[in-house]
């Protein structure tokens, strides 16, 4: 039984472009994305370390002390 729209949904959920039958990224595309991915990773690590190094606001410490 064919469900209406089923073939379109299958194409969209496969994650590959319609013309790409291999399911793999091209080597050129992988080379282009690798530096960008590394830059994003570096930026996320930097933001995370800055957030961890920030002092805890006194208001939060007061609330935590009230819980004890």
C-alpha atoms as a PDB file:
ATOM      1  CA  UNK A   1       0.000   0.000   0.000  1.00  0.00           C
ATOM      2  CA  UNK A   2       1.425   3.385  -1.024  1.00  0.00           C
ATOM      3  CA  UNK A   3       0.900   6.183   1.487  1.00  0.00           C
ATOM      4  CA  UNK A   4       0.573   9.640   0.023  1.00  0.00           C
ATOM      5  CA  UNK A   5       3.800  11.614   0.466  1.00  0.00           C
ATOM      6  CA  UNK A   6       5.741   8.574   1.669  1.00  0.00           C
ATOM      7  CA  UNK A   7       8.409   8.734  -1.039  1.00  0.00           C
ATOM      8  CA  UNK A   8       9.063  12.432  -0.345  1.00  0.00           C
ATOM      9  CA  UNK A   9       9.383  11.747   3.370  1.00  0.00           C
ATOM     10  CA  UNK A  10      11.836   8.929   2.717  1.00  0.00           C
ATOM     11  CA  UNK A  11      14.028  11.239   0.608  1.00  0.00           C
ATOM     12  CA  UNK A  12      13.952  14.010   3.220  1.00  0.00           C
ATOM     13  CA  UNK A  13      14.758  11.720   6.124  1.00  0.00           C
ATOM     14  CA  UNK A  14      17.642  10.008   4.333  1.00  0.00           C
ATOM     15  CA  UNK A  15      19.826  13.086   4.853  1.00  0.00           C
ATOM     16  CA  UNK A  16      21.330  12.859   1.363  1.00  0.00           C
ATOM     17  CA  UNK A  17      20.609  15.052  -1.625  1.00  0.00           C
ATOM     18  CA  UNK A  18      18.228  13.576  -4.144  1.00  0.00           C
ATOM     19  CA  UNK A  19      20.911  13.086  -6.794  1.00  0.00           C
ATOM     20  CA  UNK A  20      23.482  11.580  -4.399  1.00  0.00           C
ATOM     21  CA  UNK A  21      23.081   7.834  -4.507  1.00  0.00           C
ATOM     22  CA  UNK A  22      26.280   6.974  -2.627  1.00  0.00           C
ATOM     23  CA  UNK A  23      25.262   8.442   0.728  1.00  0.00           C
ATOM     24  CA  UNK A  24      28.821   9.748   1.237  1.00  0.00           C
ATOM     25  CA  UNK A  25      30.151  13.301   1.188  1.00  0.00           C
ATOM     26  CA  UNK A  26      32.553  14.140  -1.558  1.00  0.00           C
ATOM     27  CA  UNK A  27      36.222  14.383  -0.612  1.00  0.00           C
ATOM     28  CA  UNK A  28      36.289  18.056  -1.594  1.00  0.00           C
ATOM     29  CA  UNK A  29      33.328  18.802   0.642  1.00  0.00           C
ATOM     30  CA  UNK A  30      34.951  16.974   3.565  1.00  0.00           C
ATOM     31  CA  UNK A  31      38.128  19.051   3.140  1.00  0.00           C
ATOM     32  CA  UNK A  32      36.102  22.269   3.136  1.00  0.00           C
ATOM     33  CA  UNK A  33      34.128  21.342   6.269  1.00  0.00           C
ATOM     34  CA  UNK A  34      37.053  20.086   8.376  1.00  0.00           C
ATOM     35  CA  UNK A  35      38.620  23.509   9.115  1.00  0.00           C
ATOM     36  CA  UNK A  36      35.208  25.050   9.727  1.00  0.00           C
ATOM     37  CA  UNK A  37      34.316  22.252  12.153  1.00  0.00           C
ATOM     38  CA  UNK A  38      37.634  22.726  13.954  1.00  0.00           C
ATOM     39  CA  UNK A  39      36.994  26.480  14.251  1.00  0.00           C
ATOM     40  CA  UNK A  40      33.533  25.874  15.675  1.00  0.00           C
ATOM     41  CA  UNK A  41      34.944  23.388  18.171  1.00  0.00           C
ATOM     42  CA  UNK A  42      37.635  25.833  19.257  1.00  0.00           C
ATOM     43  CA  UNK A  43      35.075  28.610  19.689  1.00  0.00           C
ATOM     44  CA  UNK A  44      32.774  26.401  21.764  1.00  0.00           C
ATOM     45  CA  UNK A  45      35.650  25.282  24.016  1.00  0.00           C
ATOM     46  CA  UNK A  46      36.664  28.906  24.527  1.00  0.00           C
ATOM     47  CA  UNK A  47      33.149  30.031  25.463  1.00  0.00           C
ATOM     48  CA  UNK A  48      32.705  27.057  27.788  1.00  0.00           C
ATOM     49  CA  UNK A  49      35.986  27.702  29.608  1.00  0.00           C
ATOM     50  CA  UNK A  50      35.090  31.389  30.016  1.00  0.00           C
ATOM     51  CA  UNK A  51      31.709  30.469  31.499  1.00  0.00           C
ATOM     52  CA  UNK A  52      33.298  28.000  33.910  1.00  0.00           C
ATOM     53  CA  UNK A  53      35.828  30.606  35.052  1.00  0.00           C
ATOM     54  CA  UNK A  54      33.176  33.236  35.838  1.00  0.00           C
ATOM     55  CA  UNK A  55      32.546  33.826  39.536  1.00  0.00           C
ATOM     56  CA  UNK A  56      29.248  32.705  41.047  1.00  0.00           C
ATOM     57  CA  UNK A  57      27.012  35.733  41.683  1.00  0.00           C
ATOM     58  CA  UNK A  58      26.420  36.559  45.363  1.00  0.00           C
ATOM     59  CA  UNK A  59      22.652  36.272  44.857  1.00  0.00           C
ATOM     60  CA  UNK A  60      23.050  32.619  43.871  1.00  0.00           C
ATOM     61  CA  UNK A  61      25.335  31.920  46.817  1.00  0.00           C
ATOM     62  CA  UNK A  62      22.789  33.520  49.173  1.00  0.00           C
ATOM     63  CA  UNK A  63      20.013  31.330  47.757  1.00  0.00           C
ATOM     64  CA  UNK A  64      22.151  28.223  48.125  1.00  0.00           C
ATOM     65  CA  UNK A  65      22.954  29.118  51.736  1.00  0.00           C
ATOM     66  CA  UNK A  66      19.225  29.484  52.484  1.00  0.00           C
ATOM     67  CA  UNK A  67      18.660  25.898  51.314  1.00  0.00           C
ATOM     68  CA  UNK A  68      21.016  24.504  53.963  1.00  0.00           C
END
